[in-house]
Amino acid sequence: MDLNRYSVIEKGMKREMLLLKGTGCRWRKCTFCDYYLDYDSSPFLFNKEILDKVSGVHGVLDIINSGSCFEYDDETLNYIRSVVEKKNINVLWLECHYMYKDRLNEMASFFPCSVKFRCGVETFNPALRSLWNKGIAESVTAEDIARYFSGVCLLCGIKGQSKRDIISDIETAEKYFEYYSVNLFCKNSRRVEIDEDLRRFVINEVPNLIKDSSKAELLINNTDLGVG
């Protein structure tokens, strides 16, 4: 895939953003997602070229892939640690599935900086999570997730969701997390339908809901953070 893999974000949470390749999403069951197609069984040389672009300009590095941070090869993980050391990175953001929650301390201890984890929870509505096959039990609450993760990604604009769901998710994320992104669903290869009314709501009204928040990022397009 010919994708942008490196960007510098100069507003909100200033940071360098990388889209690397993992060895493949181990969950791979979310009904709306086809990102898992972006992987490599041996991605180190590919990832090294992207990691070499890191300057440390803001001291914050945010690294994502098509799955979870636990799905990098060892060479890539070791090189990330080397870059963190050489470029004086103070905060490293990583993303992973909730199923890895009990291994976060293991990953955090690998790096010589503060490590913060983000989870693609998509919604705090347990029925919607099950419908989207997120692999997060209906009994799991926002408080449970916040015990492990500093940030979450929210997904908006899919048929079956409501405006109340979106508003509630934003309010919950604002209450419990240091960071959250509000992501408008973009059509892909999966058979998931966009709700055009919700799409207009996200574009026209959600900005007012989060305008005073220092925690939120609204992503209308997949490439709004400069990668993808």
Foldseek 3Di string as FASTA:
>chain_A
DDKFAWDFDDDQPTEIEGEFAFQFAPQPQFQQDDQRVRHDNQRQVVLLVRLVPDQCPPLEYEYEYSAFPVRHDPNNLVVNQVSCVVNVRAEYETEHEPVCQVCLVVSQVSHPHHYFYEYAQQFQQLVVCVVRVRVDHSPDGLQNVLVRHQEYEHEWFFPVDDPVRVLVRVVSRLVRHQAYEYEYRDDDPGPTDGDVVRLCCLVPPVCVVCVPPSHYHYHDDPCPRPID
